[in-house]
Amino acid sequence: MSQTCSQATISHSHRVQGRLRLKFAHDPLTQLTQLATCEQQQPLQVIRAFPLAHGGVLVHLHNLSGGILGGDLLTLEIEVGADAYAQLTSTSATRLYRCRPAAPMARQTMTVQVHSNGLLEYVPDPLIPFAGARYQQQTQIDLADGAGLFWWETVAPGRTAHGECFAYDLLQLEYTITAGGKPLAIERSRLMPQQHAMQSLARLGPYRYMGSFYICRVGLAATRWLQLEQQLQELAYQFSRPDEIIWGVSTLTAHGLVVRVLSCQGREIAQGLLSFWREAKQALYGQVASPPRKIY
């Protein structure tokens, strides 16, 4: 199966318009997944696909700017073909840089399709919004029959080592997950710390870091998800400590569940997510979760 990879230069307009389109395909002869299509426009870039166990591939998402700048307009299109298995990760934390007052906010749009019996694992490092950042992210994920998804996103309060905590202007995150055109999850958050105190009990209260982890596999019976919810809830009880870190698990309307976390510190979130991932992948696929290797 052939692989194509084309690259365009950075737009010369006042807004950087980066684009990345990836298509993963399963080869029935070799039983391996390949990165069949890779179209990229800087600053977004992919170098190559690395082999994983069970015939999958790992791809690192690069941003040549070192982060997302004010005014950036980024588009990611990801397609996982029937029976294909792909894992995506970032090379490091995604930095959301300060946006000049007169500049438009930075925007990123992600469109994801996972076809029949395909599997996508999206396990990036955290988002770190710098002081003065304004950022909107829209994610649309559609799952076909038998498709699987492990998708997490974690958000830091800012560059805490530089004394920045909730110093950004706007962080707007939107997620929609559908299966066969029917919504499984719709999540909308709009955080404006300069206008609304994040320490309010209506928002984060004493916590500063937050994360969500969606776990889906289309077609499983509701009883399987209730069993997995109970299994993961035991981990949540084990990992939670009042006023330090709190985990929660709940089933979706169908075909999946979501794990959520709030924490005062960021270092425990990554290890906790890995534990939930390992439990869920073993339960749903009978396989061991493989944390991505990082390259720089």
Protein backbone atom coordinates (compact mmCIF):
# COMPACT_ATOMS: atom_id res chain seq x y z
CA MET A 1 0.00 0.00 0.00
CA SER A 2 1.45 3.34 -0.99
CA GLN A 3 2.04 6.32 1.25
CA THR A 4 1.81 9.91 0.05
CA CYS A 5 3.14 12.88 1.97
CA SER A 6 2.96 16.38 0.58
CA GLN A 7 3.89 19.67 2.25
CA ALA A 8 2.95 23.27 1.57
CA THR A 9 4.70 26.37 2.82
CA ILE A 10 3.40 28.78 5.45
CA SER A 11 0.77 31.19 4.20
CA HIS A 12 1.99 34.75 3.74
CA SER A 13 -1.25 36.26 5.01
CA HIS A 14 -1.43 37.85 8.44
CA ARG A 15 -2.83 34.57 9.85
CA VAL A 16 -0.89 31.34 9.77
CA GLN A 17 -3.17 28.66 8.35
CA GLY A 18 -1.70 25.27 9.15
CA ARG A 19 -3.30 22.05 7.97
CA LEU A 20 -2.65 18.38 8.57
CA ARG A 21 -4.57 15.54 6.94
CA LEU A 22 -3.77 11.99 7.95
CA LYS A 23 -5.34 8.77 6.71
CA PHE A 24 -4.51 5.38 8.19
CA ALA A 25 -5.30 2.18 6.28
CA HIS A 26 -5.16 -1.49 7.21
CA ASP A 27 -3.42 -3.86 4.82
CA PRO A 28 -5.27 -7.21 4.88
CA LEU A 29 -2.24 -9.05 3.50
CA THR A 30 0.26 -7.98 6.14
CA GLN A 31 -2.35 -7.26 8.85
CA LEU A 32 -0.51 -3.98 9.47
CA THR A 33 -1.71 -0.38 9.58
CA GLN A 34 0.04 2.15 7.37
CA LEU A 35 0.02 5.92 7.20
CA ALA A 36 -1.48 5.94 3.71
CA THR A 37 -1.97 9.69 3.30
CA CYS A 38 -0.15 12.61 4.88
CA GLU A 39 -0.85 16.12 3.63
CA GLN A 40 0.68 18.89 5.68
CA GLN A 41 0.99 22.62 5.67
CA GLN A 42 3.33 24.26 8.16
CA PRO A 43 3.56 24.78 11.04
CA LEU A 44 1.86 21.37 11.44
CA GLN A 45 4.05 18.44 10.50
CA VAL A 46 4.44 14.68 10.78
CA ILE A 47 7.83 13.03 10.26
CA ARG A 48 7.00 9.34 10.02
CA ALA A 49 4.91 6.53 11.48
CA PHE A 50 6.43 4.11 14.01
CA PRO A 51 5.22 0.50 14.32
CA LEU A 52 3.24 -0.57 17.37
CA ALA A 53 2.22 -3.95 18.73
CA HIS A 54 -0.90 -5.56 17.26
CA GLY A 55 -0.19 -4.03 13.85
CA GLY A 56 -0.72 -0.40 14.79
CA VAL A 57 1.29 2.75 14.11
CA LEU A 58 2.32 5.71 16.26
CA VAL A 59 2.51 9.24 14.86
CA HIS A 60 3.88 12.33 16.60
CA LEU A 61 2.17 15.63 15.86
CA HIS A 62 4.73 18.44 15.49
CA ASN A 63 4.13 22.18 15.57
CA LEU A 64 7.19 23.89 14.08
CA SER A 65 6.24 27.18 15.78
CA GLY A 66 6.87 25.60 19.16
CA GLY A 67 3.26 26.26 20.13
CA ILE A 68 0.05 27.90 18.99
CA LEU A 69 0.40 31.62 18.35
CA GLY A 70 -2.26 34.31 18.47
CA GLY A 71 -4.14 34.41 15.18
CA ASP A 72 -3.15 30.88 14.12
CA LEU A 73 -5.83 28.97 12.24
CA LEU A 74 -5.05 25.24 12.39
CA THR A 75 -6.98 22.35 10.87
CA LEU A 76 -6.44 18.66 11.55
CA GLU A 77 -8.29 15.93 9.64
CA ILE A 78 -7.76 12.38 10.85
CA GLU A 79 -9.23 9.28 9.24
CA VAL A 80 -8.70 5.79 10.58
CA GLY A 81 -9.79 3.20 8.04
CA ALA A 82 -11.65 -0.04 8.63
CA ASP A 83 -9.65 -2.40 10.92
CA ALA A 84 -6.80 0.14 11.18
CA TYR A 85 -5.14 1.02 14.49
CA ALA A 86 -3.47 4.40 15.01
CA GLN A 87 -2.01 6.17 18.03
CA LEU A 88 -1.40 9.93 18.00
CA THR A 89 0.54 12.00 20.51
CA SER A 90 2.21 15.39 20.78
CA THR A 91 5.97 15.76 21.07
CA SER A 92 5.51 17.79 24.27
CA ALA A 93 2.96 20.01 25.98
CA THR A 94 1.01 22.30 23.63
CA ARG A 95 1.84 25.90 24.50
CA LEU A 96 -0.84 28.49 23.83
CA TYR A 97 1.05 31.76 23.47
CA ARG A 98 -0.09 35.27 24.30
CA CYS A 99 -2.46 36.82 21.78
CA ARG A 100 -1.99 40.50 20.92
CA PRO A 101 -5.05 42.58 21.85
CA ALA A 102 -5.82 43.53 18.24
CA ALA A 103 -5.15 40.05 16.82
CA PRO A 104 -7.84 37.41 16.31
CA MET A 105 -7.82 34.50 18.72
CA ALA A 106 -6.03 31.28 17.84
CA ARG A 107 -8.31 28.52 16.56
CA GLN A 108 -7.86 24.82 15.99
CA THR A 109 -10.41 22.55 14.33
CA MET A 110 -10.14 18.77 14.49
CA THR A 111 -12.29 16.43 12.41
CA VAL A 112 -11.94 12.72 13.14
CA GLN A 113 -13.46 9.66 11.50
CA VAL A 114 -12.90 6.11 12.73
CA HIS A 115 -14.31 3.52 10.36
CA SER A 116 -15.62 0.03 11.06
CA ASN A 117 -13.54 -1.82 13.70
CA GLY A 118 -10.82 0.83 13.56
CA LEU A 119 -9.13 2.09 16.72
CA LEU A 120 -7.75 5.55 17.50
CA GLU A 121 -5.74 6.43 20.60
CA TYR A 122 -5.19 10.18 21.03
CA VAL A 123 -2.95 10.69 24.07
CA PRO A 124 -1.26 14.13 23.94
CA ASP A 125 0.56 16.07 26.63
CA PRO A 126 -1.32 18.91 28.35
CA LEU A 127 -2.45 22.26 26.98
CA ILE A 128 -0.64 25.13 28.71
CA PRO A 129 -2.29 28.53 28.14
CA PHE A 130 0.16 31.40 28.65
CA ALA A 131 -0.82 34.79 30.09
CA GLY A 132 -2.94 36.69 27.59
CA ALA A 133 -3.75 33.62 25.48
CA ARG A 134 -7.06 33.41 23.61
CA TYR A 135 -7.79 30.02 22.10
CA GLN A 136 -10.73 28.10 20.68
CA GLN A 137 -10.63 24.38 19.89
CA GLN A 138 -13.44 22.52 18.13
CA THR A 139 -13.33 18.73 17.85
CA GLN A 140 -15.77 16.54 15.94
CA ILE A 141 -15.36 12.75 16.20
CA ASP A 142 -17.52 10.25 14.33
CA LEU A 143 -17.34 6.53 15.08
CA ALA A 144 -18.59 3.75 12.80
CA ASP A 145 -19.78 0.28 13.81
CA GLY A 146 -17.21 -1.47 15.97
CA ALA A 147 -14.93 1.60 16.07
CA GLY A 148 -12.89 2.25 19.21
CA LEU A 149 -11.61 5.46 20.78
CA PHE A 150 -9.28 6.40 23.63
CA TRP A 151 -9.09 10.20 23.70
CA TRP A 152 -7.83 12.41 26.47
CA GLU A 153 -7.19 16.11 26.94
CA THR A 154 -5.64 17.76 29.99
CA VAL A 155 -5.37 21.48 30.74
CA ALA A 156 -2.86 23.23 32.99
CA PRO A 157 -3.63 26.61 34.64
CA GLY A 158 -0.65 28.25 32.91
CA ARG A 159 3.10 28.56 33.34
CA THR A 160 3.04 28.05 37.08
CA ALA A 161 6.86 28.10 37.32
CA HIS A 162 6.70 31.69 36.00
CA GLY A 163 4.01 32.68 38.46
CA GLU A 164 1.24 32.50 35.84
CA CYS A 165 -1.91 30.83 37.10
CA PHE A 166 -5.16 31.45 35.23
CA ALA A 167 -3.60 34.49 33.57
CA TYR A 168 -5.00 33.62 30.13
CA ASP A 169 -7.95 35.53 28.66
CA LEU A 170 -10.01 32.81 27.00
CA LEU A 171 -9.92 29.03 26.67
CA GLN A 172 -12.85 27.56 24.75
CA LEU A 173 -12.97 23.79 24.21
CA GLU A 174 -15.76 22.05 22.32
CA TYR A 175 -16.13 18.31 21.71
CA THR A 176 -18.79 16.31 19.91
CA ILE A 177 -18.60 12.53 19.63
CA THR A 178 -21.13 10.69 17.49
CA ALA A 179 -21.76 7.08 16.47
CA GLY A 180 -23.78 6.49 13.33
CA GLY A 181 -24.75 10.16 13.34
CA LYS A 182 -26.19 10.03 16.88
CA PRO A 183 -24.46 12.04 19.63
CA LEU A 184 -22.69 10.16 22.40
CA ALA A 185 -21.14 13.19 24.07
CA ILE A 186 -21.34 16.95 23.65
CA GLU A 187 -18.97 18.98 25.80
CA ARG A 188 -18.62 22.77 25.83
CA SER A 189 -16.40 24.80 28.15
CA ARG A 190 -15.61 28.51 27.99
CA LEU A 191 -13.14 29.72 30.61
CA MET A 192 -12.44 33.45 31.04
CA PRO A 193 -10.39 33.78 34.25
CA GLN A 194 -10.02 37.55 33.97
CA GLN A 195 -13.80 37.92 34.15
CA HIS A 196 -14.89 34.93 36.25
CA ALA A 197 -12.84 33.62 39.17
CA MET A 198 -11.75 30.04 38.55
CA GLN A 199 -11.66 29.41 42.32
CA SER A 200 -15.45 29.67 42.44
CA LEU A 201 -17.18 26.43 43.44
CA ALA A 202 -19.19 26.78 40.23
CA ARG A 203 -15.93 26.30 38.30
CA LEU A 204 -12.79 24.59 39.62
CA GLY A 205 -12.93 25.46 43.30
CA PRO A 206 -9.59 24.59 44.97
CA TYR A 207 -8.30 22.71 41.91
CA ARG A 208 -6.13 24.06 39.09
CA TYR A 209 -5.65 21.21 36.58
CA MET A 210 -8.42 19.40 34.75
CA GLY A 211 -8.78 16.58 32.27
CA SER A 212 -11.23 14.38 30.39
CA PHE A 213 -10.69 10.88 28.99
CA TYR A 214 -13.27 9.44 26.57
CA ILE A 215 -13.32 5.66 26.15
CA CYS A 216 -15.58 4.26 23.41
CA ARG A 217 -16.21 1.10 21.43
CA VAL A 218 -19.33 1.09 19.31
CA GLY A 219 -21.61 -1.93 19.51
CA LEU A 220 -20.96 -3.23 23.02
CA ALA A 221 -23.95 -3.89 25.25
CA ALA A 222 -24.88 -1.36 27.91
CA THR A 223 -24.20 -3.94 30.62
CA ARG A 224 -20.53 -4.11 29.53
CA TRP A 225 -20.19 -0.37 30.04
CA LEU A 226 -21.83 -0.49 33.45
CA GLN A 227 -19.38 -3.21 34.47
CA LEU A 228 -16.42 -1.20 33.20
CA GLU A 229 -17.73 1.93 34.90
CA GLN A 230 -17.76 0.08 38.22
CA GLN A 231 -14.28 -1.30 37.58
CA LEU A 232 -12.83 2.13 36.76
CA GLN A 233 -14.74 3.77 39.60
CA GLU A 234 -12.76 1.62 42.01
CA LEU A 235 -9.60 3.16 40.55
CA ALA A 236 -11.14 6.61 40.90
CA TYR A 237 -11.79 6.02 44.60
CA GLN A 238 -8.27 4.71 45.03
CA PHE A 239 -6.60 7.69 43.32
CA SER A 240 -8.77 10.47 44.79
CA ARG A 241 -7.75 12.53 47.82
CA PRO A 242 -10.03 15.32 49.08
CA ASP A 243 -8.81 18.84 48.23
CA GLU A 244 -5.84 17.40 46.29
CA ILE A 245 -7.12 15.35 43.37
CA ILE A 246 -10.53 13.95 42.49
CA TRP A 247 -11.43 11.42 39.79
CA GLY A 248 -14.86 10.46 38.50
CA VAL A 249 -16.28 7.99 35.96
CA SER A 250 -19.65 7.94 34.22
CA THR A 251 -21.15 6.14 31.23
CA LEU A 252 -22.22 7.99 28.10
CA THR A 253 -25.65 7.63 26.49
CA ALA A 254 -24.26 4.56 24.70
CA HIS A 255 -21.03 2.94 23.49
CA GLY A 256 -18.66 4.45 26.04
CA LEU A 257 -17.81 6.30 29.20
CA VAL A 258 -15.84 9.33 30.33
CA VAL A 259 -13.25 9.72 33.07
CA ARG A 260 -12.78 13.21 34.53
CA VAL A 261 -10.17 14.61 36.87
CA LEU A 262 -9.56 17.80 38.83
CA SER A 263 -6.24 18.26 40.61
CA CYS A 264 -4.17 20.81 42.50
CA GLN A 265 -1.00 19.42 40.90
CA GLY A 266 -0.41 18.21 37.36
CA ARG A 267 2.14 15.46 37.88
CA GLU A 268 -0.33 12.80 39.10
CA ILE A 269 -2.78 13.20 36.23
CA ALA A 270 -0.59 11.55 33.58
CA GLN A 271 0.06 8.48 35.71
CA GLY A 272 -3.61 8.21 36.61
CA LEU A 273 -4.72 8.44 32.98
CA LEU A 274 -2.28 5.70 32.07
CA SER A 275 -3.79 3.45 34.75
CA PHE A 276 -7.33 4.04 33.48
CA TRP A 277 -6.16 3.44 29.90
CA ARG A 278 -4.51 0.14 30.85
CA GLU A 279 -7.59 -1.12 32.68
CA ALA A 280 -9.98 -0.10 29.93
CA LYS A 281 -7.93 -1.45 27.02
CA GLN A 282 -7.46 -4.78 28.73
CA ALA A 283 -11.20 -4.98 29.42
CA LEU A 284 -12.30 -3.92 25.92
CA TYR A 285 -9.58 -5.42 23.72
CA GLY A 286 -7.69 -7.91 25.86
CA GLN A 287 -4.52 -5.97 25.10
CA VAL A 288 -1.93 -4.00 27.05
CA ALA A 289 -1.95 -0.23 26.49
CA SER A 290 1.35 0.99 25.02
CA PRO A 291 2.36 4.51 26.16
CA PRO A 292 3.81 6.44 23.20
CA ARG A 293 7.54 6.93 22.84
CA LYS A 294 8.45 10.59 22.70
CA ILE A 295 10.76 12.12 20.09
CA TYR A 296 12.15 15.66 20.01
